[in-house]
Amino acid sequence: MQSDDEPRQAADRLRLFCGLRLRAETIDALVAWQARELGRGVVAGGRLVPAASLHLTLAFLGHRPAGELAAVSGALRAAAAAYDVRLPLRLTVRGYRETRSVGMLTFDDEGDRAGALARRLHERLEELGVYRREERPWLPHLTVLRFRDRPRLRPPLPELATVVPSDAAVYISRLQPGGAQYEVLENVALG
């Protein structure tokens, strides 16, 4: 039996992550590539990640108390403020790979600048006690397809110019029957 407090407790928790947002021209090119090259994955029971959800994840925090949102945003602001705008984050597509549930594009990170930003953020989030770093190093990647059964696609890579993120953001992820819906809670300038 559900107590009166259970719905309130669920509303007091947010499924949060921090990510790098993409410029409109990058999103447009990715959406066209998804439709052209990953359509078979959709037929095989997959779902293309919609344009509004395309991003590069810096840190996934999972379900956190709503009261921690300001501190998470502050950690992202502090990590981004240390970024040197004279040396832009520049990412180039390296490959396509599939895990047990997603298809993703992986990227090379010029000068490890995005990696340095991710590590600064991870340190600040760990200091807050809201994040535990993964054992493997951070990988710049962009999820483009979700599926239950791996379609084992081998699409040609998208012809993207160098990807330069527009900014960073704290997102909320709301789980829906048709897939997670992401909403930006706070934008953070880089630098």
N, C-alpha and C. Protein backbone atom coordinates (compact mmCIF):
# COMPACT_ATOMS: atom_id res chain seq x y z
N MET A 1 0.85 -1.19 0.00
CA MET A 1 0.00 0.00 0.00
C MET A 1 0.89 1.24 0.00
N GLN A 2 0.50 2.24 -0.82
CA GLN A 2 1.30 3.46 -0.95
C GLN A 2 0.89 4.46 0.12
N SER A 3 1.88 5.03 0.80
CA SER A 3 1.58 6.05 1.81
C SER A 3 1.38 7.39 1.13
N ASP A 4 0.82 8.34 1.86
CA ASP A 4 0.60 9.69 1.33
C ASP A 4 1.92 10.39 1.01
N ASP A 5 3.01 9.97 1.68
CA ASP A 5 4.31 10.60 1.46
C ASP A 5 5.01 10.13 0.19
N GLU A 6 4.66 8.93 -0.33
CA GLU A 6 5.39 8.38 -1.47
C GLU A 6 5.33 9.25 -2.72
N PRO A 7 4.17 9.76 -3.17
CA PRO A 7 4.19 10.62 -4.35
C PRO A 7 5.02 11.89 -4.14
N ARG A 8 4.96 12.46 -2.94
CA ARG A 8 5.73 13.66 -2.65
C ARG A 8 7.22 13.35 -2.69
N GLN A 9 7.62 12.20 -2.13
CA GLN A 9 9.04 11.84 -2.15
C GLN A 9 9.54 11.68 -3.57
N ALA A 10 8.75 11.05 -4.45
CA ALA A 10 9.17 10.88 -5.85
C ALA A 10 9.32 12.24 -6.52
N ALA A 11 8.44 13.18 -6.22
CA ALA A 11 8.52 14.52 -6.82
C ALA A 11 9.71 15.30 -6.29
N ASP A 12 10.21 14.93 -5.12
CA ASP A 12 11.36 15.61 -4.53
C ASP A 12 12.68 15.11 -5.08
N ARG A 13 12.65 14.15 -5.99
CA ARG A 13 13.87 13.59 -6.58
C ARG A 13 13.87 13.88 -8.07
N LEU A 14 15.04 14.25 -8.58
CA LEU A 14 15.20 14.58 -9.99
C LEU A 14 16.25 13.67 -10.60
N ARG A 15 16.00 13.20 -11.80
CA ARG A 15 16.99 12.38 -12.53
C ARG A 15 17.85 13.37 -13.33
N LEU A 16 19.07 13.61 -12.86
CA LEU A 16 19.91 14.70 -13.38
C LEU A 16 21.14 14.20 -14.12
N PHE A 17 21.58 15.02 -15.07
CA PHE A 17 22.89 14.83 -15.69
C PHE A 17 23.37 16.17 -16.20
N CYS A 18 24.68 16.26 -16.43
CA CYS A 18 25.30 17.45 -16.99
C CYS A 18 25.83 17.08 -18.37
N GLY A 19 25.69 17.99 -19.31
CA GLY A 19 26.14 17.69 -20.66
C GLY A 19 26.57 18.93 -21.42
N LEU A 20 27.20 18.66 -22.56
CA LEU A 20 27.57 19.72 -23.49
C LEU A 20 26.49 19.82 -24.55
N ARG A 21 26.01 21.02 -24.76
CA ARG A 21 24.98 21.25 -25.78
C ARG A 21 25.63 21.47 -27.14
N LEU A 22 24.89 21.12 -28.17
CA LEU A 22 25.41 21.20 -29.54
C LEU A 22 24.80 22.38 -30.27
N ARG A 23 25.55 22.90 -31.21
CA ARG A 23 25.06 23.99 -32.05
C ARG A 23 24.02 23.48 -33.04
N ALA A 24 23.13 24.35 -33.48
CA ALA A 24 22.03 23.97 -34.36
C ALA A 24 22.51 23.29 -35.64
N GLU A 25 23.59 23.78 -36.24
CA GLU A 25 24.07 23.17 -37.49
C GLU A 25 24.57 21.75 -37.27
N THR A 26 25.14 21.47 -36.11
CA THR A 26 25.58 20.11 -35.79
C THR A 26 24.37 19.20 -35.60
N ILE A 27 23.37 19.68 -34.88
CA ILE A 27 22.16 18.89 -34.68
C ILE A 27 21.47 18.60 -36.00
N ASP A 28 21.35 19.60 -36.87
CA ASP A 28 20.72 19.39 -38.18
C ASP A 28 21.45 18.31 -38.98
N ALA A 29 22.78 18.35 -38.99
CA ALA A 29 23.57 17.36 -39.73
C ALA A 29 23.39 15.97 -39.12
N LEU A 30 23.34 15.88 -37.80
CA LEU A 30 23.16 14.60 -37.14
C LEU A 30 21.78 14.01 -37.41
N VAL A 31 20.76 14.83 -37.37
CA VAL A 31 19.39 14.35 -37.62
C VAL A 31 19.27 13.81 -39.04
N ALA A 32 19.85 14.51 -40.01
CA ALA A 32 19.82 14.04 -41.40
C ALA A 32 20.56 12.71 -41.52
N TRP A 33 21.71 12.59 -40.87
CA TRP A 33 22.48 11.34 -40.89
C TRP A 33 21.71 10.21 -40.24
N GLN A 34 21.09 10.47 -39.08
CA GLN A 34 20.31 9.44 -38.40
C GLN A 34 19.22 8.89 -39.33
N ALA A 35 18.49 9.79 -39.96
CA ALA A 35 17.38 9.36 -40.83
C ALA A 35 17.90 8.54 -42.00
N ARG A 36 19.01 8.95 -42.55
CA ARG A 36 19.58 8.29 -43.73
C ARG A 36 20.25 6.96 -43.39
N GLU A 37 21.03 6.94 -42.31
CA GLU A 37 21.90 5.78 -42.03
C GLU A 37 21.44 4.86 -40.91
N LEU A 38 20.59 5.33 -40.02
CA LEU A 38 20.18 4.51 -38.89
C LEU A 38 18.74 4.05 -38.98
N GLY A 39 18.07 4.36 -40.07
CA GLY A 39 16.68 3.96 -40.24
C GLY A 39 16.47 2.48 -40.03
N ARG A 40 17.44 1.66 -40.47
CA ARG A 40 17.35 0.22 -40.30
C ARG A 40 17.30 -0.14 -38.82
N GLY A 41 18.00 0.60 -37.99
CA GLY A 41 17.97 0.36 -36.55
C GLY A 41 16.60 0.61 -35.97
N VAL A 42 15.90 1.58 -36.53
CA VAL A 42 14.54 1.87 -36.07
C VAL A 42 13.63 0.72 -36.47
N VAL A 43 13.78 0.22 -37.70
CA VAL A 43 12.98 -0.91 -38.16
C VAL A 43 13.25 -2.13 -37.29
N ALA A 44 14.50 -2.28 -36.82
CA ALA A 44 14.88 -3.43 -36.00
C ALA A 44 14.46 -3.26 -34.54
N GLY A 45 13.59 -2.32 -34.24
CA GLY A 45 13.09 -2.13 -32.88
C GLY A 45 13.81 -1.05 -32.11
N GLY A 46 14.61 -0.24 -32.78
CA GLY A 46 15.30 0.85 -32.11
C GLY A 46 14.53 2.15 -32.21
N ARG A 47 15.02 3.16 -31.50
CA ARG A 47 14.44 4.51 -31.56
C ARG A 47 15.57 5.49 -31.77
N LEU A 48 15.42 6.33 -32.77
CA LEU A 48 16.38 7.40 -32.97
C LEU A 48 16.26 8.39 -31.81
N VAL A 49 17.38 8.88 -31.34
CA VAL A 49 17.36 9.92 -30.31
C VAL A 49 16.92 11.20 -31.00
N PRO A 50 15.86 11.86 -30.51
CA PRO A 50 15.37 13.07 -31.17
C PRO A 50 16.34 14.24 -31.05
N ALA A 51 16.20 15.18 -31.96
CA ALA A 51 17.08 16.34 -32.04
C ALA A 51 17.21 17.05 -30.69
N ALA A 52 16.11 17.23 -29.99
CA ALA A 52 16.13 17.96 -28.72
C ALA A 52 16.92 17.24 -27.63
N SER A 53 17.21 15.96 -27.84
CA SER A 53 17.92 15.18 -26.82
C SER A 53 19.37 14.91 -27.17
N LEU A 54 19.85 15.39 -28.31
CA LEU A 54 21.24 15.15 -28.70
C LEU A 54 22.17 16.04 -27.88
N HIS A 55 23.13 15.43 -27.23
CA HIS A 55 24.09 16.14 -26.37
C HIS A 55 25.27 15.22 -26.10
N LEU A 56 26.33 15.75 -25.54
CA LEU A 56 27.47 14.96 -25.07
C LEU A 56 27.43 14.95 -23.55
N THR A 57 27.24 13.79 -22.95
CA THR A 57 27.12 13.70 -21.51
C THR A 57 28.47 13.92 -20.83
N LEU A 58 28.49 14.79 -19.83
CA LEU A 58 29.68 15.00 -19.01
C LEU A 58 29.62 14.13 -17.75
N ALA A 59 28.44 14.07 -17.11
CA ALA A 59 28.28 13.28 -15.89
C ALA A 59 26.81 12.96 -15.69
N PHE A 60 26.50 11.69 -15.50
CA PHE A 60 25.13 11.26 -15.19
C PHE A 60 25.05 11.04 -13.69
N LEU A 61 24.13 11.75 -13.04
CA LEU A 61 24.02 11.68 -11.60
C LEU A 61 22.91 10.74 -11.13
N GLY A 62 21.94 10.45 -11.98
CA GLY A 62 20.82 9.61 -11.57
C GLY A 62 19.84 10.40 -10.72
N HIS A 63 19.04 9.68 -9.96
CA HIS A 63 18.02 10.32 -9.12
C HIS A 63 18.67 10.99 -7.92
N ARG A 64 18.45 12.29 -7.81
CA ARG A 64 19.03 13.09 -6.72
C ARG A 64 17.93 13.91 -6.06
N PRO A 65 18.08 14.23 -4.78
CA PRO A 65 17.11 15.12 -4.13
C PRO A 65 17.06 16.47 -4.85
N ALA A 66 15.87 17.00 -5.03
CA ALA A 66 15.69 18.28 -5.73
C ALA A 66 16.50 19.39 -5.07
N GLY A 67 16.69 19.32 -3.77
CA GLY A 67 17.45 20.33 -3.06
C GLY A 67 18.92 20.40 -3.45
N GLU A 68 19.43 19.40 -4.18
CA GLU A 68 20.83 19.41 -4.60
C GLU A 68 21.04 20.11 -5.94
N LEU A 69 19.96 20.48 -6.61
CA LEU A 69 20.07 21.07 -7.94
C LEU A 69 20.97 22.31 -7.95
N ALA A 70 20.81 23.21 -7.00
CA ALA A 70 21.61 24.43 -6.99
C ALA A 70 23.10 24.10 -6.84
N ALA A 71 23.44 23.14 -6.02
CA ALA A 71 24.85 22.77 -5.84
C ALA A 71 25.41 22.11 -7.10
N VAL A 72 24.60 21.28 -7.77
CA VAL A 72 25.04 20.65 -9.02
C VAL A 72 25.28 21.73 -10.08
N SER A 73 24.36 22.67 -10.18
CA SER A 73 24.53 23.78 -11.13
C SER A 73 25.78 24.59 -10.80
N GLY A 74 26.01 24.82 -9.52
CA GLY A 74 27.21 25.55 -9.10
C GLY A 74 28.49 24.81 -9.46
N ALA A 75 28.48 23.48 -9.33
CA ALA A 75 29.65 22.68 -9.70
C ALA A 75 29.91 22.77 -11.20
N LEU A 76 28.86 22.75 -12.00
CA LEU A 76 29.04 22.87 -13.45
C LEU A 76 29.54 24.27 -13.80
N ARG A 77 28.98 25.29 -13.17
CA ARG A 77 29.45 26.67 -13.41
C ARG A 77 30.93 26.82 -13.07
N ALA A 78 31.34 26.26 -11.93
CA ALA A 78 32.74 26.37 -11.50
C ALA A 78 33.66 25.62 -12.47
N ALA A 79 33.27 24.44 -12.90
CA ALA A 79 34.10 23.67 -13.85
C ALA A 79 34.19 24.40 -15.18
N ALA A 80 33.09 24.94 -15.64
CA ALA A 80 33.07 25.64 -16.93
C ALA A 80 33.81 26.97 -16.86
N ALA A 81 33.80 27.62 -15.71
CA ALA A 81 34.48 28.91 -15.57
C ALA A 81 35.99 28.76 -15.72
N ALA A 82 36.52 27.59 -15.40
CA ALA A 82 37.97 27.35 -15.50
C ALA A 82 38.39 27.07 -16.95
N TYR A 83 37.43 26.97 -17.83
CA TYR A 83 37.70 26.67 -19.25
C TYR A 83 38.27 27.92 -19.93
N ASP A 84 39.31 27.75 -20.71
CA ASP A 84 39.96 28.85 -21.42
C ASP A 84 39.32 29.01 -22.80
N VAL A 85 38.55 30.07 -23.00
CA VAL A 85 37.82 30.27 -24.25
C VAL A 85 38.75 30.47 -25.45
N ARG A 86 40.02 30.78 -25.20
CA ARG A 86 40.97 30.92 -26.32
C ARG A 86 41.31 29.58 -26.95
N LEU A 87 41.00 28.49 -26.22
CA LEU A 87 41.25 27.13 -26.71
C LEU A 87 39.91 26.38 -26.74
N PRO A 88 39.13 26.55 -27.80
CA PRO A 88 37.79 25.97 -27.83
C PRO A 88 37.80 24.44 -27.76
N LEU A 89 36.72 23.91 -27.20
CA LEU A 89 36.52 22.47 -27.22
C LEU A 89 36.28 22.09 -28.68
N ARG A 90 37.07 21.18 -29.19
CA ARG A 90 36.96 20.76 -30.59
C ARG A 90 36.95 19.24 -30.62
N LEU A 91 35.85 18.71 -31.13
CA LEU A 91 35.67 17.26 -31.17
C LEU A 91 35.45 16.81 -32.61
N THR A 92 36.08 15.70 -32.98
CA THR A 92 35.88 15.15 -34.32
C THR A 92 35.42 13.70 -34.19
N VAL A 93 34.51 13.33 -35.06
CA VAL A 93 33.93 11.98 -35.01
C VAL A 93 35.02 10.95 -35.23
N ARG A 94 35.07 9.97 -34.34
CA ARG A 94 36.04 8.88 -34.43
C ARG A 94 35.39 7.60 -34.95
N GLY A 95 34.19 7.28 -34.43
CA GLY A 95 33.58 6.01 -34.80
C GLY A 95 32.15 5.89 -34.33
N TYR A 96 31.54 4.79 -34.71
CA TYR A 96 30.20 4.41 -34.25
C TYR A 96 30.36 3.10 -33.50
N ARG A 97 29.71 2.99 -32.34
CA ARG A 97 29.73 1.73 -31.61
C ARG A 97 28.42 1.51 -30.90
N GLU A 98 28.17 0.25 -30.58
CA GLU A 98 26.94 -0.12 -29.89
C GLU A 98 27.28 -0.79 -28.57
N THR A 99 26.50 -0.46 -27.55
CA THR A 99 26.57 -1.15 -26.27
C THR A 99 25.35 -2.06 -26.22
N ARG A 100 24.99 -2.52 -25.05
CA ARG A 100 23.83 -3.41 -24.96
C ARG A 100 22.51 -2.71 -25.25
N SER A 101 22.48 -1.36 -25.16
CA SER A 101 21.19 -0.69 -25.36
C SER A 101 21.24 0.59 -26.18
N VAL A 102 22.43 1.04 -26.57
CA VAL A 102 22.51 2.29 -27.34
C VAL A 102 23.54 2.18 -28.46
N GLY A 103 23.28 2.97 -29.52
CA GLY A 103 24.26 3.21 -30.56
C GLY A 103 24.79 4.62 -30.35
N MET A 104 26.10 4.79 -30.47
CA MET A 104 26.69 6.09 -30.17
C MET A 104 27.79 6.43 -31.16
N LEU A 105 28.00 7.73 -31.29
CA LEU A 105 29.17 8.23 -31.99
C LEU A 105 30.21 8.56 -30.94
N THR A 106 31.45 8.16 -31.18
CA THR A 106 32.54 8.52 -30.27
C THR A 106 33.38 9.60 -30.96
N PHE A 107 34.07 10.37 -30.15
CA PHE A 107 34.80 11.53 -30.66
C PHE A 107 36.23 11.57 -30.17
N ASP A 108 37.10 12.13 -30.99
CA ASP A 108 38.43 12.51 -30.56
C ASP A 108 38.31 13.91 -29.98
N ASP A 109 39.05 14.16 -28.93
CA ASP A 109 38.98 15.40 -28.16
C ASP A 109 40.30 16.14 -28.31
N GLU A 110 40.32 17.16 -29.16
CA GLU A 110 41.55 17.90 -29.42
C GLU A 110 42.12 18.49 -28.14
N GLY A 111 43.36 18.12 -27.84
CA GLY A 111 44.04 18.66 -26.66
C GLY A 111 43.45 18.20 -25.34
N ASP A 112 42.56 17.21 -25.34
CA ASP A 112 41.92 16.70 -24.13
C ASP A 112 41.20 17.81 -23.36
N ARG A 113 40.72 18.84 -24.07
CA ARG A 113 40.09 19.97 -23.38
C ARG A 113 38.70 19.61 -22.84
N ALA A 114 37.92 18.85 -23.61
CA ALA A 114 36.61 18.42 -23.09
C ALA A 114 36.82 17.45 -21.93
N GLY A 115 37.83 16.59 -22.05
CA GLY A 115 38.14 15.66 -20.97
C GLY A 115 38.54 16.38 -19.69
N ALA A 116 39.32 17.45 -19.83
CA ALA A 116 39.71 18.24 -18.65
C ALA A 116 38.49 18.88 -17.99
N LEU A 117 37.57 19.38 -18.82
CA LEU A 117 36.32 19.95 -18.28
C LEU A 117 35.54 18.88 -17.53
N ALA A 118 35.42 17.70 -18.14
CA ALA A 118 34.68 16.60 -17.48
C ALA A 118 35.33 16.23 -16.15
N ARG A 119 36.65 16.12 -16.13
CA ARG A 119 37.34 15.76 -14.88
C ARG A 119 37.15 16.83 -13.80
N ARG A 120 37.22 18.11 -14.18
CA ARG A 120 36.97 19.19 -13.20
C ARG A 120 35.56 19.07 -12.63
N LEU A 121 34.60 18.81 -13.50
CA LEU A 121 33.22 18.66 -13.05
C LEU A 121 33.10 17.45 -12.12
N HIS A 122 33.67 16.32 -12.51
CA HIS A 122 33.59 15.11 -11.68
C HIS A 122 34.16 15.36 -10.29
N GLU A 123 35.30 16.06 -10.22
CA GLU A 123 35.90 16.36 -8.91
C GLU A 123 34.96 17.18 -8.05
N ARG A 124 34.37 18.21 -8.64
CA ARG A 124 33.46 19.07 -7.87
C ARG A 124 32.21 18.31 -7.42
N LEU A 125 31.67 17.48 -8.30
CA LEU A 125 30.48 16.71 -7.94
C LEU A 125 30.80 15.67 -6.87
N GLU A 126 32.00 15.08 -6.93
CA GLU A 126 32.41 14.13 -5.90
C GLU A 126 32.57 14.83 -4.55
N GLU A 127 33.13 16.03 -4.57
CA GLU A 127 33.27 16.80 -3.32
C GLU A 127 31.92 17.06 -2.69
N LEU A 128 30.89 17.24 -3.51
CA LEU A 128 29.53 17.45 -3.00
C LEU A 128 28.89 16.16 -2.51
N GLY A 129 29.46 15.02 -2.90
CA GLY A 129 28.89 13.73 -2.52
C GLY A 129 27.69 13.33 -3.37
N VAL A 130 27.58 13.90 -4.59
CA VAL A 130 26.42 13.61 -5.44
C VAL A 130 26.79 12.75 -6.65
N TYR A 131 28.08 12.36 -6.74
CA TYR A 131 28.55 11.65 -7.94
C TYR A 131 29.71 10.75 -7.57
N ARG A 132 29.74 9.60 -8.21
CA ARG A 132 30.89 8.71 -8.08
C ARG A 132 31.43 8.43 -9.46
N ARG A 133 32.67 8.81 -9.66
CA ARG A 133 33.31 8.68 -10.95
C ARG A 133 33.39 7.21 -11.37
N GLU A 134 33.22 6.97 -12.67
CA GLU A 134 33.37 5.62 -13.20
C GLU A 134 34.84 5.25 -13.21
N GLU A 135 35.13 3.96 -13.19
CA GLU A 135 36.53 3.52 -13.20
C GLU A 135 37.19 3.78 -14.55
N ARG A 136 36.43 3.66 -15.62
CA ARG A 136 37.01 3.91 -16.95
C ARG A 136 37.05 5.41 -17.20
N PRO A 137 37.98 5.85 -18.05
CA PRO A 137 38.07 7.29 -18.33
C PRO A 137 36.84 7.78 -19.08
N TRP A 138 36.56 9.06 -18.91
CA TRP A 138 35.43 9.69 -19.60
C TRP A 138 35.64 9.58 -21.11
N LEU A 139 34.58 9.22 -21.82
CA LEU A 139 34.63 9.07 -23.26
C LEU A 139 33.68 10.08 -23.90
N PRO A 140 34.19 10.99 -24.74
CA PRO A 140 33.27 11.90 -25.42
C PRO A 140 32.43 11.09 -26.41
N HIS A 141 31.12 11.07 -26.16
CA HIS A 141 30.23 10.30 -27.01
C HIS A 141 28.86 10.96 -27.08
N LEU A 142 28.14 10.57 -28.10
CA LEU A 142 26.82 11.13 -28.37
C LEU A 142 25.90 9.97 -28.71
N THR A 143 24.89 9.72 -27.88
CA THR A 143 23.95 8.64 -28.14
C THR A 143 23.01 9.07 -29.27
N VAL A 144 22.91 8.22 -30.30
CA VAL A 144 22.09 8.54 -31.47
C VAL A 144 20.96 7.55 -31.69
N LEU A 145 21.02 6.39 -31.02
CA LEU A 145 20.04 5.33 -31.22
C LEU A 145 19.90 4.53 -29.94
N ARG A 146 18.67 4.19 -29.58
CA ARG A 146 18.41 3.33 -28.42
C ARG A 146 17.68 2.09 -28.92
N PHE A 147 17.93 0.94 -28.29
CA PHE A 147 17.31 -0.30 -28.75
C PHE A 147 17.29 -1.33 -27.63
N ARG A 148 16.45 -2.34 -27.82
CA ARG A 148 16.43 -3.48 -26.91
C ARG A 148 17.34 -4.59 -27.41
N ASP A 149 17.26 -4.85 -28.72
CA ASP A 149 18.11 -5.87 -29.33
C ASP A 149 19.10 -5.16 -30.24
N ARG A 150 20.36 -5.42 -30.02
CA ARG A 150 21.43 -4.75 -30.76
C ARG A 150 21.27 -5.02 -32.26
N PRO A 151 21.13 -3.95 -33.06
CA PRO A 151 20.96 -4.15 -34.50
C PRO A 151 22.26 -4.45 -35.25
N ARG A 152 23.39 -4.23 -34.58
CA ARG A 152 24.72 -4.47 -35.17
C ARG A 152 24.90 -3.71 -36.49
N LEU A 153 24.59 -2.44 -36.43
CA LEU A 153 24.75 -1.57 -37.60
C LEU A 153 26.21 -1.21 -37.79
N ARG A 154 26.55 -0.90 -39.01
CA ARG A 154 27.89 -0.41 -39.35
C ARG A 154 27.73 0.77 -40.31
N PRO A 155 27.10 1.84 -39.81
CA PRO A 155 26.83 2.96 -40.72
C PRO A 155 28.10 3.73 -41.05
N PRO A 156 28.12 4.37 -42.23
CA PRO A 156 29.21 5.30 -42.49
C PRO A 156 29.09 6.45 -41.48
N LEU A 157 30.22 7.02 -41.13
CA LEU A 157 30.19 8.11 -40.15
C LEU A 157 29.59 9.36 -40.78
N PRO A 158 28.93 10.18 -39.95
CA PRO A 158 28.40 11.44 -40.49
C PRO A 158 29.53 12.37 -40.91
N GLU A 159 29.28 13.13 -41.94
CA GLU A 159 30.26 14.11 -42.38
C GLU A 159 30.01 15.40 -41.61
N LEU A 160 30.58 15.44 -40.43
CA LEU A 160 30.42 16.60 -39.55
C LEU A 160 31.68 17.44 -39.60
N ALA A 161 31.48 18.74 -39.59
CA ALA A 161 32.62 19.62 -39.35
C ALA A 161 33.06 19.37 -37.91
N THR A 162 34.16 19.95 -37.52
CA THR A 162 34.58 19.83 -36.13
C THR A 162 33.44 20.30 -35.23
N VAL A 163 33.13 19.50 -34.22
CA VAL A 163 32.03 19.84 -33.30
C VAL A 163 32.59 20.72 -32.20
N VAL A 164 32.01 21.91 -32.08
CA VAL A 164 32.37 22.85 -31.02
C VAL A 164 31.08 23.10 -30.22
N PRO A 165 30.99 22.55 -29.00
CA PRO A 165 29.77 22.73 -28.22
C PRO A 165 29.42 24.20 -28.01
N SER A 166 28.12 24.48 -27.90
CA SER A 166 27.67 25.86 -27.69
C SER A 166 27.82 26.28 -26.24
N ASP A 167 27.52 25.38 -25.32
CA ASP A 167 27.59 25.66 -23.89
C ASP A 167 27.41 24.34 -23.15
N ALA A 168 27.30 24.41 -21.84
CA ALA A 168 27.04 23.23 -21.01
C ALA A 168 25.69 23.44 -20.33
N ALA A 169 25.13 22.37 -19.81
CA ALA A 169 23.83 22.48 -19.16
C ALA A 169 23.64 21.39 -18.13
N VAL A 170 22.78 21.70 -17.16
CA VAL A 170 22.25 20.70 -16.24
C VAL A 170 20.89 20.32 -16.81
N TYR A 171 20.68 19.03 -16.99
CA TYR A 171 19.44 18.50 -17.57
C TYR A 171 18.69 17.69 -16.53
N ILE A 172 17.38 17.63 -16.72
CA ILE A 172 16.55 16.65 -16.03
C ILE A 172 16.12 15.65 -17.09
N SER A 173 16.12 14.39 -16.71
CA SER A 173 15.68 13.31 -17.59
C SER A 173 14.39 12.76 -17.00
N ARG A 174 13.33 12.83 -17.79
CA ARG A 174 12.03 12.29 -17.36
C ARG A 174 11.75 11.03 -18.17
N LEU A 175 11.60 9.91 -17.47
CA LEU A 175 11.35 8.65 -18.15
C LEU A 175 9.90 8.59 -18.59
N GLN A 176 9.69 8.31 -19.87
CA GLN A 176 8.36 8.22 -20.48
C GLN A 176 8.26 6.88 -21.20
N PRO A 177 7.06 6.41 -21.51
CA PRO A 177 6.93 5.14 -22.24
C PRO A 177 7.65 5.16 -23.60
N GLY A 178 7.71 6.29 -24.26
CA GLY A 178 8.37 6.38 -25.56
C GLY A 178 9.86 6.72 -25.46
N GLY A 179 10.40 6.74 -24.26
CA GLY A 179 11.81 7.08 -24.07
C GLY A 179 11.97 8.28 -23.16
N ALA A 180 13.17 8.49 -22.71
CA ALA A 180 13.46 9.61 -21.80
C ALA A 180 13.30 10.94 -22.53
N GLN A 181 12.74 11.91 -21.82
CA GLN A 181 12.61 13.27 -22.33
C GLN A 181 13.54 14.14 -21.50
N TYR A 182 14.38 14.94 -22.19
CA TYR A 182 15.35 15.78 -21.50
C TYR A 182 14.91 17.24 -21.54
N GLU A 183 15.17 17.91 -20.44
CA GLU A 183 14.89 19.34 -20.36
C GLU A 183 16.08 20.03 -19.72
N VAL A 184 16.49 21.13 -20.31
CA VAL A 184 17.59 21.92 -19.75
C VAL A 184 17.05 22.70 -18.56
N LEU A 185 17.70 22.52 -17.41
CA LEU A 185 17.31 23.27 -16.21
C LEU A 185 18.16 24.53 -16.05
N GLU A 186 19.41 24.45 -16.48
CA GLU A 186 20.27 25.63 -16.42
C GLU A 186 21.37 25.52 -17.48
N ASN A 187 21.51 26.60 -18.27
CA ASN A 187 22.61 26.71 -19.24
C ASN A 187 23.79 27.34 -18.53
N VAL A 188 24.99 26.91 -18.93
CA VAL A 188 26.21 27.43 -18.33
C VAL A 188 27.17 27.77 -19.48
N ALA A 189 27.64 28.99 -19.51
CA ALA A 189 28.60 29.39 -20.53
C ALA A 189 29.94 28.70 -20.29
N LEU A 190 30.64 28.44 -21.37
CA LEU A 190 31.98 27.85 -21.27
C LEU A 190 32.98 29.00 -21.20
N GLY A 191 33.68 29.10 -20.09
CA GLY A 191 34.66 30.16 -19.93
C GLY A 191 34.13 31.33 -19.15
